[in-house]
Amino acid sequence: MFTLKIEEPVFQPEAPLYQDLYMLPDGRIDLPKIIPRLGSYAVQKHWDACFAGRGHAPTCVIGATTAAGMMVSEIMRAILLGRDQMVSYPEYLYVDFFDYHYVRGSVVPA
């Protein structure tokens, strides 16, 4: 099954560091903080194992290239419309191509 989710945060110089927001003390990424929803295709026991550090989050090269494209789009928005027009921390863009969800959300630091 092909699935693709992209979450692309852009951090301005004055924003907190990614590591300070999303890294656990043991060095793992705090996945529930950066994944706003699970897709309909997700098998809960696999995600639970991933969140507990016993498995891997699914990924593919299409996700990385799409995230790069989204980043270029935000850079172009900054160049053409001004830096304040970019979607940047605390906002984020989240795309789930399997369930057709596109979210522009905001995070609150812990």
Protein backbone atom coordinates (compact mmCIF):
# COMPACT_ATOMS: atom_id res chain seq x y z
CA MET A 1 0.00 0.00 0.00
CA PHE A 2 1.33 3.45 -0.90
CA THR A 3 0.91 6.18 1.66
CA LEU A 4 2.49 9.53 2.06
CA LYS A 5 2.38 12.06 4.86
CA ILE A 6 4.43 15.20 4.96
CA GLU A 7 4.86 17.61 7.82
CA GLU A 8 7.18 20.44 7.02
CA PRO A 9 8.08 22.91 9.74
CA VAL A 10 10.05 26.03 8.84
CA PHE A 11 11.99 27.57 11.69
CA GLN A 12 12.82 31.27 11.65
CA PRO A 13 16.05 32.32 13.43
CA GLU A 14 14.15 33.46 16.54
CA ALA A 15 12.19 30.17 16.87
CA PRO A 16 13.12 27.46 19.39
CA LEU A 17 15.37 24.69 18.11
CA TYR A 18 13.68 21.62 16.61
CA GLN A 19 15.60 19.47 19.10
CA ASP A 20 14.20 21.45 22.04
CA LEU A 21 10.62 20.98 20.82
CA TYR A 22 10.50 17.42 19.55
CA MET A 23 13.36 15.38 21.02
CA LEU A 24 12.96 13.12 24.03
CA PRO A 25 15.73 13.00 26.66
CA ASP A 26 16.90 9.63 25.27
CA GLY A 27 17.45 11.16 21.79
CA ARG A 28 14.33 9.76 20.09
CA ILE A 29 11.83 12.01 18.31
CA ASP A 30 8.57 12.54 20.19
CA LEU A 31 6.38 11.32 17.31
CA PRO A 32 2.96 12.07 18.83
CA LYS A 33 4.00 15.74 19.00
CA ILE A 34 4.79 15.93 15.27
CA ILE A 35 2.08 13.67 13.85
CA PRO A 36 -1.27 15.44 14.24
CA ARG A 37 -3.38 12.44 13.16
CA LEU A 38 -3.01 8.83 12.07
CA GLY A 39 -4.31 7.93 8.63
CA SER A 40 -7.07 5.41 8.07
CA TYR A 41 -4.49 2.91 6.80
CA ALA A 42 -2.44 2.97 10.02
CA VAL A 43 -2.29 -0.19 12.09
CA GLN A 44 -2.43 1.05 15.67
CA LYS A 45 -0.18 -1.67 17.13
CA HIS A 46 2.61 -0.73 14.67
CA TRP A 47 2.33 2.96 15.55
CA ASP A 48 2.26 2.15 19.27
CA ALA A 49 5.51 0.20 18.84
CA CYS A 50 6.99 3.09 16.84
CA PHE A 51 5.98 5.66 19.47
CA ALA A 52 7.49 3.43 22.17
CA GLY A 53 10.79 3.22 20.27
CA ARG A 54 10.40 -0.43 19.24
CA GLY A 55 9.77 0.14 15.54
CA HIS A 56 10.20 2.56 12.67
CA ALA A 57 7.85 5.15 11.22
CA PRO A 58 6.98 4.37 7.61
CA THR A 59 8.70 6.60 5.12
CA CYS A 60 9.56 6.76 1.42
CA VAL A 61 11.65 8.89 -0.91
CA ILE A 62 8.51 10.56 -2.29
CA GLY A 63 7.92 12.05 1.15
CA ALA A 64 11.38 13.58 1.26
CA THR A 65 11.13 15.06 -2.23
CA THR A 66 7.62 16.41 -1.58
CA ALA A 67 8.81 17.97 1.69
CA ALA A 68 11.67 19.61 -0.23
CA GLY A 69 9.16 20.98 -2.74
CA MET A 70 7.00 22.35 0.07
CA MET A 71 10.06 24.03 1.58
CA VAL A 72 10.95 25.66 -1.76
CA SER A 73 7.35 26.87 -2.02
CA GLU A 74 7.63 28.55 1.39
CA ILE A 75 10.96 30.12 0.44
CA MET A 76 9.37 31.53 -2.73
CA ARG A 77 6.49 32.92 -0.63
CA ALA A 78 9.06 34.67 1.55
CA ILE A 79 10.90 36.11 -1.45
CA LEU A 80 7.77 37.24 -3.27
CA LEU A 81 5.45 38.18 -0.39
CA GLY A 82 7.75 38.75 2.58
CA ARG A 83 9.09 36.56 5.34
CA ASP A 84 6.00 37.07 7.49
CA GLN A 85 3.90 35.30 4.81
CA MET A 86 5.73 31.97 5.24
CA VAL A 87 4.18 29.14 7.19
CA SER A 88 6.76 28.90 9.96
CA TYR A 89 6.95 27.92 13.61
CA PRO A 90 4.62 27.68 15.49
CA GLU A 91 2.59 26.85 12.37
CA TYR A 92 3.12 23.79 10.20
CA LEU A 93 1.75 22.18 7.06
CA TYR A 94 0.66 18.54 7.19
CA VAL A 95 -0.26 16.53 4.10
CA ASP A 96 -1.67 13.00 3.99
CA PHE A 97 -1.99 11.96 0.35
CA PHE A 98 -3.71 8.67 1.20
CA ASP A 99 -6.68 10.18 3.06
CA TYR A 100 -6.54 13.53 1.22
CA HIS A 101 -5.92 15.65 4.31
CA TYR A 102 -4.15 18.97 4.17
CA VAL A 103 -3.73 20.73 7.50
CA ARG A 104 -2.26 24.09 8.34
CA GLY A 105 -1.87 23.80 12.09
CA SER A 106 -0.05 25.32 15.00
CA VAL A 107 1.95 23.71 17.80
CA VAL A 108 2.28 24.83 21.36
CA PRO A 109 5.67 24.16 22.95
CA ALA A 110 5.63 21.90 26.00
